[in-house]
Each structure stands twice: as C-alpha cells, then as structure tokens.
Amino acid sequence: MRLLDYPAAIAHKQRELLRTEQHVRRLQDVLNRLTAEIDTTIAFDTELRNDAQRKAKRLEMMKAADYRKAVVNLQIAQDQHAELEIDLNLLRNQFSVLKLELRESLASREMQILDAA
C-alpha cells in the first residue's frame, strides 16, 4: 500500500469499528433488558422466600435459550470489536513506519547531496 492510501484505509477501518461499537451497544441493551425482566420476575415472585432461592431462580432463568443467545451474540460482537481495534492499530503503525522510512530515505539523500558538494 502506498503512503497516500493509508489515511483512507484508516478511516474505513475506523468506520467499521464504529459500526461494531454501535452493534455491541444494541446487543448490550438487549441483554440488559433481558436481565431486568429476570430481576423483575424474581422480585415479584412471592414463592421465593430467601436470597438463596432468588439466586437459584435467577441462574435458572439465565440458562434460557434467548438469554444465552443474547450473551453469545454480545461476546461475538465484542470479539469482532477487539479484532477491528487490532487491525486499526496495525494500519496506524504501518503508516507510521512507512513515514519514518520515507523520512530516513530523504535524510539519507540530503546527506549524500551535502557530502557530494
């Protein structure tokens, strides 16, 4: 990739990262809503007499397919977000290295010109 290509590639990766962040937030909202529903159900269940029973019921309800699916989807999205951050940092680092290499090349040429004069 050429030096001129890096800013656009970095911006593209940042947009991907933003979309993933938005997706993570939506999934977190879904999970929070499901958790709140579980907590509300437990709070109004008069058959649950103590904390141990409430905790057991909460764990049981969190094993439901829709809750587990929400957890897994959130974890997948968080992993994708982390991968995009790694890719973005790699692009930025490659860009920095290329700029340093070009500066070194220019400095070397300037030294050759000064030595030749």
Protein backbone atom coordinates (compact mmCIF):
# COMPACT_ATOMS: atom_id res chain seq x y z
CA MET A 1 0.00 0.00 0.00
CA ARG A 2 1.21 3.48 -0.81
CA LEU A 3 1.55 6.27 1.74
CA LEU A 4 -1.41 8.10 0.20
CA ASP A 5 -3.64 5.04 0.65
CA TYR A 6 -3.25 4.81 4.42
CA PRO A 7 -5.48 7.72 5.54
CA ALA A 8 -8.46 6.32 3.59
CA ALA A 9 -7.77 2.78 4.82
CA ILE A 10 -7.53 4.02 8.41
CA ALA A 11 -10.78 5.99 8.06
CA HIS A 12 -12.51 2.93 6.59
CA LYS A 13 -11.34 0.77 9.49
CA GLN A 14 -12.48 3.42 11.98
CA ARG A 15 -15.96 3.38 10.39
CA GLU A 16 -16.04 -0.42 10.69
CA LEU A 17 -15.04 -0.08 14.33
CA LEU A 18 -17.81 2.47 14.93
CA ARG A 19 -20.42 0.17 13.37
CA THR A 20 -19.22 -2.66 15.59
CA GLU A 21 -19.35 -0.41 18.68
CA GLN A 22 -22.93 0.51 17.80
CA HIS A 23 -23.79 -3.16 17.37
CA VAL A 24 -22.21 -4.00 20.73
CA ARG A 25 -24.27 -1.26 22.41
CA ARG A 26 -27.50 -2.59 20.87
CA LEU A 27 -26.68 -6.13 21.99
CA GLN A 28 -25.79 -4.88 25.47
CA ASP A 29 -29.16 -3.12 25.63
CA VAL A 30 -30.93 -6.37 24.70
CA LEU A 31 -29.02 -8.26 27.37
CA ASN A 32 -29.73 -5.54 29.96
CA ARG A 33 -33.44 -5.69 29.11
CA LEU A 34 -33.50 -9.47 29.48
CA THR A 35 -31.64 -9.22 32.79
CA ALA A 36 -34.09 -6.58 34.03
CA GLU A 37 -37.00 -8.84 33.08
CA ILE A 38 -35.44 -11.69 35.05
CA ASP A 39 -34.85 -9.44 38.06
CA THR A 40 -38.42 -8.11 37.89
CA THR A 41 -39.86 -11.61 37.68
CA ILE A 42 -37.84 -12.68 40.69
CA ALA A 43 -38.73 -9.55 42.67
CA PHE A 44 -42.45 -10.21 42.28
CA ASP A 45 -42.33 -13.97 42.81
CA THR A 46 -43.85 -14.47 46.25
CA GLU A 47 -42.85 -18.14 46.33
CA LEU A 48 -39.17 -17.23 46.62
CA ARG A 49 -38.58 -16.91 50.35
CA ASN A 50 -34.86 -16.06 50.69
CA ASP A 51 -31.76 -14.92 48.82
CA ALA A 52 -30.62 -18.46 48.07
CA GLN A 53 -33.91 -19.23 46.34
CA ARG A 54 -33.80 -15.95 44.41
CA LYS A 55 -30.21 -16.57 43.27
CA ALA A 56 -31.06 -20.11 42.21
CA LYS A 57 -34.09 -18.89 40.25
CA ARG A 58 -32.01 -16.15 38.62
CA LEU A 59 -29.37 -18.66 37.49
CA GLU A 60 -32.09 -20.96 36.20
CA MET A 61 -33.71 -18.16 34.21
CA MET A 62 -30.35 -17.10 32.79
CA LYS A 63 -29.99 -20.57 31.26
CA ALA A 64 -32.94 -19.85 28.96
CA ALA A 65 -32.15 -20.05 25.24
CA ASP A 66 -32.92 -16.39 24.49
CA TYR A 67 -30.73 -15.16 27.33
CA ARG A 68 -27.84 -17.46 26.39
CA LYS A 69 -28.16 -16.41 22.75
CA ALA A 70 -28.01 -12.73 23.77
CA VAL A 71 -24.86 -13.40 25.83
CA VAL A 72 -23.17 -15.29 22.99
CA ASN A 73 -24.09 -12.63 20.41
CA LEU A 74 -22.66 -9.92 22.66
CA GLN A 75 -19.44 -11.86 23.19
CA ILE A 76 -19.04 -12.43 19.43
CA ALA A 77 -19.58 -8.73 18.74
CA GLN A 78 -17.09 -7.78 21.46
CA ASP A 79 -14.52 -10.13 19.93
CA GLN A 80 -15.10 -8.59 16.48
CA HIS A 81 -14.67 -5.15 18.02
CA ALA A 82 -11.34 -6.20 19.57
CA GLU A 83 -10.15 -7.62 16.24
CA LEU A 84 -11.03 -4.38 14.45
CA GLU A 85 -9.13 -2.38 17.07
CA ILE A 86 -6.09 -4.60 16.45
CA ASP A 87 -6.42 -4.12 12.68
CA LEU A 88 -6.79 -0.36 13.08
CA ASN A 89 -3.71 -0.15 15.31
CA LEU A 90 -1.77 -2.25 12.81
CA LEU A 91 -2.73 0.13 9.98
CA ARG A 92 -1.73 3.14 12.05
CA ASN A 93 1.58 1.53 12.97
CA GLN A 94 2.31 0.55 9.37
CA PHE A 95 1.55 4.13 8.32
CA SER A 96 3.94 5.46 10.96
CA VAL A 97 6.68 3.06 9.94
CA LEU A 98 6.28 3.99 6.28
CA LYS A 99 6.50 7.71 7.15
CA LEU A 100 9.65 7.07 9.20
CA GLU A 101 11.20 5.07 6.38
CA LEU A 102 10.48 7.89 3.92
CA ARG A 103 11.96 10.46 6.31
CA GLU A 104 15.05 8.30 6.70
CA SER A 105 15.36 7.99 2.94
CA LEU A 106 15.05 11.76 2.49
CA ALA A 107 17.61 12.42 5.22
CA SER A 108 19.97 9.92 3.60
CA ARG A 109 19.62 11.63 0.21
CA GLU A 110 20.21 15.03 1.78
CA MET A 111 23.37 13.73 3.43
CA GLN A 112 24.58 12.32 0.09
CA ILE A 113 23.95 15.68 -1.58
CA LEU A 114 25.81 17.51 1.18
CA ASP A 115 28.72 15.06 1.01
CA ALA A 116 28.91 15.41 -2.77
CA ALA A 117 29.04 19.19 -2.59
